[in-house]
């Protein structure tokens, strides 16, 4: 984005009688940009630059602190939606860097249209000025959204597969996921990488059926956050293998049923 100083120099040179080609040569700014500025006028161009500057995060579009980012700082009334989306992102989401911004993609199974709608609704609440796109694929739909602030909202790191890199929530993110809204966090994780099944066993010749939840993810860091949220809610769990967690005790299953909802 061009600075206010560059903009001011363009209008100063224009007032001296220089045309867009001459100004472009002096300031190394494309003549097309200069013509557009001169056409819109000084007041409108400066107003637009001020809006963009106020909305831009410091540090090459990435903020290290909640105070720095206007989007993160406006989450207060949408913490539940954000915490749910954080769980969805850690399960089936990714962030990629585009030429001028970042793109979020969350993959949702078409068998669960309510989950897809929950993702869309949450994104609309968190980023109301950003368009949410839908990319149909075989058996699933990718939900996408572009924003400069996505690395501020979600643990992005240097990208790559989550189980091959460190996943660290910032203190404010961990507080939301583990202390304030652990139900929404677990709901997002289970909606993305979990399931509810009926387990069948035969004991003393009699068949028994009981429901249980599974959460499968190959990132040990994400497993740790799942476990911490379960501990906060006093939900019993155990590992049935190194990458899968089972919730099978009746009281715990009933508790998870109260907030997971649509993936049952």
Protein backbone atom coordinates (compact mmCIF):
# COMPACT_ATOMS: atom_id res chain seq x y z
CA UNK A 1 0.00 0.00 0.00
CA UNK A 2 1.30 3.47 -0.91
CA UNK A 3 2.09 5.83 1.96
CA UNK A 4 0.49 9.18 2.66
CA UNK A 5 3.85 10.87 1.97
CA UNK A 6 4.00 9.37 -1.54
CA UNK A 7 0.44 10.46 -2.16
CA UNK A 8 1.18 14.01 -1.01
CA UNK A 9 4.22 14.24 -3.31
CA UNK A 10 2.09 13.16 -6.27
CA UNK A 11 -0.42 15.95 -5.70
CA UNK A 12 2.36 18.48 -5.02
CA UNK A 13 4.05 17.66 -8.34
CA UNK A 14 0.71 17.70 -10.14
CA UNK A 15 0.05 21.19 -8.78
CA UNK A 16 3.36 22.25 -10.32
CA UNK A 17 2.08 21.22 -13.75
CA UNK A 18 3.74 17.81 -14.15
CA UNK A 19 1.71 15.12 -15.87
CA UNK A 20 1.32 11.49 -14.73
CA UNK A 21 4.24 10.21 -16.87
CA UNK A 22 6.66 12.79 -15.46
CA UNK A 23 5.51 12.16 -11.89
CA UNK A 24 5.85 8.41 -12.42
CA UNK A 25 9.47 8.82 -13.51
CA UNK A 26 10.32 10.97 -10.50
CA UNK A 27 8.61 8.86 -7.82
CA UNK A 28 8.74 5.36 -9.35
CA UNK A 29 4.97 4.99 -8.99
CA UNK A 30 2.96 3.50 -11.89
CA UNK A 31 1.44 6.22 -14.05
CA UNK A 32 -1.90 4.37 -13.97
CA UNK A 33 -2.00 4.70 -10.17
CA UNK A 34 -1.18 8.39 -10.43
CA UNK A 35 -3.93 9.00 -13.00
CA UNK A 36 -6.45 7.26 -10.73
CA UNK A 37 -5.41 9.39 -7.74
CA UNK A 38 -5.68 12.60 -9.74
CA UNK A 39 -9.07 11.54 -11.07
CA UNK A 40 -10.48 10.75 -7.60
CA UNK A 41 -9.03 13.86 -6.00
CA UNK A 42 -6.82 14.52 -2.99
CA UNK A 43 -9.51 14.33 -0.28
CA UNK A 44 -10.94 10.99 -1.39
CA UNK A 45 -7.54 9.35 -1.89
CA UNK A 46 -6.26 10.42 1.53
CA UNK A 47 -9.46 9.21 3.16
CA UNK A 48 -9.04 5.78 1.55
CA UNK A 49 -5.37 5.56 2.61
CA UNK A 50 -6.27 6.39 6.22
CA UNK A 51 -8.92 3.64 6.32
CA UNK A 52 -6.50 1.06 4.93
CA UNK A 53 -3.72 2.11 7.31
CA UNK A 54 -6.04 1.86 10.31
CA UNK A 55 -7.08 -1.63 9.28
CA UNK A 56 -3.63 -2.99 8.50
CA UNK A 57 -1.79 -5.02 11.12
CA UNK A 58 1.81 -4.13 11.97
CA UNK A 59 4.60 -6.55 11.27
CA UNK A 60 3.92 -7.64 7.68
CA UNK A 61 0.25 -8.45 8.25
CA UNK A 62 0.90 -10.58 11.34
CA UNK A 63 0.23 -9.40 14.90
CA UNK A 64 1.93 -10.82 17.96
CA UNK A 65 -0.53 -9.38 20.47
CA UNK A 66 -4.31 -9.14 20.70
CA UNK A 67 -4.04 -5.36 21.15
CA UNK A 68 -2.32 -4.94 17.78
CA UNK A 69 -5.03 -6.49 15.61
CA UNK A 70 -8.37 -4.73 15.01
CA UNK A 71 -10.09 -8.01 14.06
CA UNK A 72 -8.89 -9.94 17.11
CA UNK A 73 -9.68 -6.94 19.26
CA UNK A 74 -13.28 -6.97 18.00
CA UNK A 75 -13.92 -10.64 18.84
CA UNK A 76 -15.33 -10.04 22.30
CA UNK A 77 -18.97 -10.42 21.29
CA UNK A 78 -18.17 -13.49 19.13
CA UNK A 79 -15.85 -15.55 21.34
CA UNK A 80 -18.08 -18.64 21.12
CA UNK A 81 -18.14 -18.58 17.31
CA UNK A 82 -14.40 -17.98 17.19
CA UNK A 83 -13.57 -20.82 19.60
CA UNK A 84 -15.74 -23.23 17.59
CA UNK A 85 -14.00 -22.16 14.37
CA UNK A 86 -10.60 -22.56 16.06
CA UNK A 87 -11.44 -26.22 16.70
CA UNK A 88 -12.61 -26.65 13.10
CA UNK A 89 -9.41 -25.06 11.79
CA UNK A 90 -7.15 -27.27 13.90
CA UNK A 91 -8.98 -30.31 12.56
CA UNK A 92 -9.70 -29.71 8.88
CA UNK A 93 -8.46 -26.22 8.13
CA UNK A 94 -5.41 -24.59 6.57
CA UNK A 95 -4.11 -21.10 5.82
CA UNK A 96 -2.18 -20.30 2.66
CA UNK A 97 -0.46 -17.08 1.70
CA UNK A 98 -1.65 -15.42 -1.50
CA UNK A 99 -0.01 -12.54 -3.36
CA UNK A 100 -1.48 -9.81 -1.18
CA UNK A 101 -3.37 -11.57 1.59
CA UNK A 102 -4.10 -14.93 3.27
CA UNK A 103 -6.71 -17.57 2.49
CA UNK A 104 -8.46 -19.83 4.99
CA UNK A 105 -9.93 -23.15 3.87
CA UNK A 106 -11.97 -25.49 6.05
CA UNK A 107 -13.15 -28.78 4.56
CA UNK A 108 -16.62 -29.97 5.65
CA UNK A 109 -18.34 -33.27 4.79
CA UNK A 110 -21.53 -32.96 2.74
CA UNK A 111 -23.14 -35.62 4.97
CA UNK A 112 -23.33 -32.98 7.71
CA UNK A 113 -24.88 -29.83 6.17
CA UNK A 114 -25.48 -28.33 9.62
CA UNK A 115 -21.76 -28.39 10.34
CA UNK A 116 -21.04 -26.64 7.05
CA UNK A 117 -23.60 -23.98 7.93
CA UNK A 118 -22.12 -23.57 11.42
CA UNK A 119 -18.72 -22.84 9.83
CA UNK A 120 -20.22 -20.33 7.41
CA UNK A 121 -22.18 -18.59 10.18
CA UNK A 122 -19.11 -18.41 12.43
CA UNK A 123 -16.97 -16.89 9.66
CA UNK A 124 -19.68 -14.36 8.87
CA UNK A 125 -19.73 -13.29 12.52
CA UNK A 126 -15.94 -13.05 12.88
CA UNK A 127 -15.19 -11.49 9.47
CA UNK A 128 -18.46 -9.77 8.49
CA UNK A 129 -16.83 -7.67 5.75
CA UNK A 130 -15.15 -10.63 4.03
CA UNK A 131 -16.90 -12.84 1.49
CA UNK A 132 -17.22 -16.53 2.34
CA UNK A 133 -16.73 -18.82 -0.65
CA UNK A 134 -17.84 -22.43 -1.21
CA UNK A 135 -15.79 -24.86 -3.33
CA UNK A 136 -17.69 -28.13 -3.98
CA UNK A 137 -15.62 -31.32 -4.12
CA UNK A 138 -16.45 -35.01 -4.15
CA UNK A 139 -18.24 -35.70 -0.88
CA UNK A 140 -17.19 -32.44 0.76
CA UNK A 141 -17.17 -28.67 0.43
CA UNK A 142 -14.25 -26.32 1.11
CA UNK A 143 -15.31 -23.16 2.88
CA UNK A 144 -12.93 -20.30 2.11
CA UNK A 145 -12.33 -16.73 3.18
CA UNK A 146 -9.58 -14.17 2.53
CA UNK A 147 -8.17 -11.75 5.11
CA UNK A 148 -4.86 -10.15 6.07
CA UNK A 149 -5.66 -11.02 9.68
CA UNK A 150 -5.98 -14.81 9.42
CA UNK A 151 -2.49 -15.44 10.90
CA UNK A 152 -3.59 -13.29 13.85
CA UNK A 153 -6.73 -15.38 14.37
CA UNK A 154 -5.32 -18.88 13.96
CA UNK A 155 -1.99 -20.56 14.84
CA UNK A 156 -0.32 -20.34 11.44
CA UNK A 157 3.42 -20.67 12.08
CA UNK A 158 5.37 -21.34 8.88
CA UNK A 159 2.59 -23.48 7.43
CA UNK A 160 2.82 -27.11 6.43
CA UNK A 161 1.14 -30.20 7.84
CA UNK A 162 0.04 -29.64 11.43
CA UNK A 163 1.39 -32.94 12.72
CA UNK A 164 4.83 -32.04 11.37
CA UNK A 165 5.08 -28.63 13.02
CA UNK A 166 4.57 -27.10 16.43
CA UNK A 167 1.01 -25.96 17.18
CA UNK A 168 1.01 -23.34 19.94
CA UNK A 169 -2.02 -21.32 20.96
CA UNK A 170 -1.37 -17.80 22.17
CA UNK A 171 -2.35 -17.17 25.82
CA UNK A 172 -5.65 -15.49 24.87
CA UNK A 173 -6.50 -18.34 22.47
CA UNK A 174 -5.68 -21.00 25.08
CA UNK A 175 -7.80 -19.22 27.67
CA UNK A 176 -10.80 -19.26 25.34
CA UNK A 177 -10.30 -22.89 24.27
CA UNK A 178 -9.49 -24.41 27.66
CA UNK A 179 -11.02 -22.14 30.30
CA UNK A 180 -13.81 -19.99 28.87
CA UNK A 181 -15.43 -21.96 26.04
CA UNK A 182 -14.07 -25.54 26.13
CA UNK A 183 -17.45 -26.89 24.93
CA UNK A 184 -17.24 -24.87 21.71
CA UNK A 185 -13.60 -25.85 21.23
CA UNK A 186 -14.33 -29.58 21.62
CA UNK A 187 -17.40 -29.20 19.42
CA UNK A 188 -15.25 -27.78 16.61
CA UNK A 189 -12.60 -30.48 17.02
CA UNK A 190 -15.15 -33.32 17.03
CA UNK A 191 -17.09 -31.83 14.12
CA UNK A 192 -13.87 -31.81 12.09
CA UNK A 193 -11.89 -34.86 13.21
CA UNK A 194 -14.29 -36.80 15.41
CA UNK A 195 -17.33 -39.07 15.28
CA UNK A 196 -20.02 -40.62 17.47
CA UNK A 197 -20.55 -44.35 17.01
CA UNK A 198 -22.43 -47.23 18.61
CA UNK A 199 -20.11 -49.81 20.11
CA UNK A 200 -21.33 -53.42 20.23
CA UNK A 201 -19.96 -56.02 22.63
CA UNK A 202 -21.09 -59.51 23.68
CA UNK A 203 -20.68 -60.36 27.34
CA UNK A 204 -21.84 -63.63 28.86
CA UNK A 205 -23.75 -64.37 25.68
CA UNK A 206 -25.66 -61.07 25.79
CA UNK A 207 -25.19 -58.25 23.29
CA UNK A 208 -24.70 -54.71 24.59
CA UNK A 209 -24.79 -51.47 22.59
CA UNK A 210 -23.49 -48.17 23.87
CA UNK A 211 -22.45 -44.89 22.21
CA UNK A 212 -18.92 -43.52 22.26
CA UNK A 213 -16.97 -40.66 20.73
CA UNK A 214 -13.67 -40.83 18.86
CA UNK A 215 -11.28 -38.01 18.09
CA UNK A 216 -8.45 -38.79 15.64
CA UNK A 217 -5.62 -36.41 14.83
CA UNK A 218 -1.92 -37.06 14.23
CA UNK A 219 -0.74 -33.84 15.90
CA UNK A 220 0.32 -34.45 19.50
CA UNK A 221 -0.05 -30.73 20.23
CA UNK A 222 -3.70 -30.74 19.13
CA UNK A 223 -4.24 -33.91 21.19
CA UNK A 224 -2.90 -32.06 24.23
CA UNK A 225 -5.35 -29.19 23.79
CA UNK A 226 -8.20 -31.70 23.33
CA UNK A 227 -7.20 -33.42 26.58
CA UNK A 228 -6.97 -30.12 28.48
CA UNK A 229 -10.47 -29.11 27.37
CA UNK A 230 -11.80 -32.54 28.45
CA UNK A 231 -10.12 -32.14 31.84
CA UNK A 232 -11.72 -28.71 32.32
CA UNK A 233 -15.16 -30.24 31.66
CA UNK A 234 -14.37 -33.37 33.72
CA UNK A 235 -14.87 -35.63 30.70
CA UNK A 236 -13.23 -39.06 30.97
CA UNK A 237 -11.19 -40.16 27.96
CA UNK A 238 -8.49 -42.62 27.01
CA UNK A 239 -6.22 -43.30 24.04
CA UNK A 240 -7.24 -46.33 22.00
CA UNK A 241 -4.08 -45.84 19.88
CA UNK A 242 -1.37 -43.19 19.58
CA UNK A 243 -3.44 -40.83 17.41
CA UNK A 244 -7.03 -41.56 18.54
CA UNK A 245 -8.88 -40.63 21.74
CA UNK A 246 -12.01 -42.44 22.91
CA UNK A 247 -14.77 -41.12 25.18
CA UNK A 248 -16.87 -44.10 26.25
CA UNK A 249 -18.08 -43.68 29.85
CA UNK A 250 -21.81 -43.05 29.94
CA UNK A 251 -21.71 -39.82 31.97
CA UNK A 252 -19.00 -38.37 29.75
CA UNK A 253 -20.79 -39.34 26.52
CA UNK A 254 -24.00 -37.76 27.81
CA UNK A 255 -22.10 -34.60 28.69
CA UNK A 256 -20.52 -34.37 25.21
CA UNK A 257 -23.95 -34.98 23.66
CA UNK A 258 -25.23 -31.75 25.22
CA UNK A 259 -22.93 -29.53 23.14
CA UNK A 260 -21.69 -31.52 20.10
CA UNK A 261 -25.17 -31.78 18.68
CA UNK A 262 -25.16 -32.16 14.92
CA UNK A 263 -22.45 -34.85 14.59
CA UNK A 264 -24.40 -37.58 16.35
